[in-house]
Amino acid sequence: MGIEAMTIYIDESIARDRRKRIANLMRARKGVRAVVHYDEKPQLMLIEYNPYAATPHELLLVVLEQGLRAELIGL
């Protein structure tokens, strides 16, 4: 069972507390192993996930469902 990594770019500036809430929503998804976001690069969210349990597009939807504009990087 392999682990994949992906990066989501959030196209808007959001507060740290909101980023934390989104990261927690992401962590609650089946297959997500880790979520990292840095104050120095608030637009980026790095996600490690099991590709047999979740897809990049499903995880992107977690952000989009919060009313934000975002996109996958590197796919």
Protein backbone atom coordinates (compact mmCIF):
# COMPACT_ATOMS: atom_id res chain seq x y z
CA MET A 1 0.00 0.00 0.00
CA GLY A 2 1.84 3.10 -1.24
CA ILE A 3 1.54 6.67 -0.10
CA GLU A 4 1.31 9.52 -2.60
CA ALA A 5 1.80 13.24 -2.06
CA MET A 6 0.05 16.15 -3.70
CA THR A 7 -0.02 19.92 -3.40
CA ILE A 8 -3.08 22.12 -3.50
CA TYR A 9 -2.69 25.79 -4.36
CA ILE A 10 -5.38 28.00 -2.83
CA ASP A 11 -5.93 30.94 -5.15
CA GLU A 12 -6.95 33.35 -2.41
CA SER A 13 -5.53 34.64 0.82
CA ILE A 14 -7.14 33.06 3.87
CA ALA A 15 -6.51 33.43 7.59
CA ARG A 16 -4.46 30.90 9.51
CA ASP A 17 -7.47 29.70 11.52
CA ARG A 18 -9.40 28.95 8.34
CA ARG A 19 -6.42 27.07 6.89
CA LYS A 20 -6.29 25.00 10.07
CA ARG A 21 -10.00 24.18 9.80
CA ILE A 22 -9.57 23.09 6.19
CA ALA A 23 -6.53 20.99 7.11
CA ASN A 24 -8.59 19.29 9.85
CA LEU A 25 -11.39 18.57 7.36
CA MET A 26 -8.80 17.07 5.04
CA ARG A 27 -7.30 14.92 7.82
CA ALA A 28 -10.77 13.53 8.54
CA ARG A 29 -11.03 12.13 4.99
CA LYS A 30 -10.44 8.43 4.54
CA GLY A 31 -6.97 7.74 3.17
CA VAL A 32 -5.34 11.01 4.25
CA ARG A 33 -2.16 10.36 6.21
CA ALA A 34 -0.84 13.90 6.74
CA VAL A 35 -1.61 17.52 5.89
CA VAL A 36 0.98 20.27 6.10
CA HIS A 37 0.52 24.01 5.63
CA TYR A 38 3.01 26.73 6.45
CA ASP A 39 2.43 30.33 7.49
CA GLU A 40 5.30 31.35 5.18
CA LYS A 41 3.45 29.93 2.14
CA PRO A 42 -0.23 30.19 3.10
CA GLN A 43 -1.48 29.35 -0.40
CA LEU A 44 0.03 25.85 -0.34
CA MET A 45 -1.31 22.73 1.34
CA LEU A 46 0.70 19.50 1.10
CA ILE A 47 -1.20 16.25 1.52
CA GLU A 48 0.02 12.67 1.90
CA TYR A 49 -2.66 10.12 1.09
CA ASN A 50 -3.30 6.52 0.18
CA PRO A 51 -4.24 6.48 -3.53
CA TYR A 52 -6.30 3.32 -2.99
CA ALA A 53 -8.56 5.17 -0.54
CA ALA A 54 -8.75 8.71 -2.01
CA THR A 55 -8.10 10.54 -5.26
CA PRO A 56 -6.50 13.95 -5.72
CA HIS A 57 -9.74 15.31 -7.13
CA GLU A 58 -11.75 14.12 -4.11
CA LEU A 59 -9.28 15.88 -1.83
CA LEU A 60 -9.37 19.05 -3.91
CA LEU A 61 -13.14 19.05 -3.44
CA VAL A 62 -12.63 19.41 0.32
CA VAL A 63 -11.13 22.85 -0.35
CA LEU A 64 -13.55 23.82 -3.13
CA GLU A 65 -16.53 22.96 -0.93
CA GLN A 66 -15.34 25.68 1.46
CA GLY A 67 -16.10 28.26 -1.22
CA LEU A 68 -12.47 28.77 -2.18
CA ARG A 69 -10.76 28.75 -5.54
CA ALA A 70 -8.00 26.13 -5.62
CA GLU A 71 -6.14 23.84 -7.97
CA LEU A 72 -3.89 20.81 -7.92
CA ILE A 73 -0.21 21.43 -8.63
CA GLY A 74 2.00 18.96 -10.45
CA LEU A 75 -0.63 16.57 -11.83
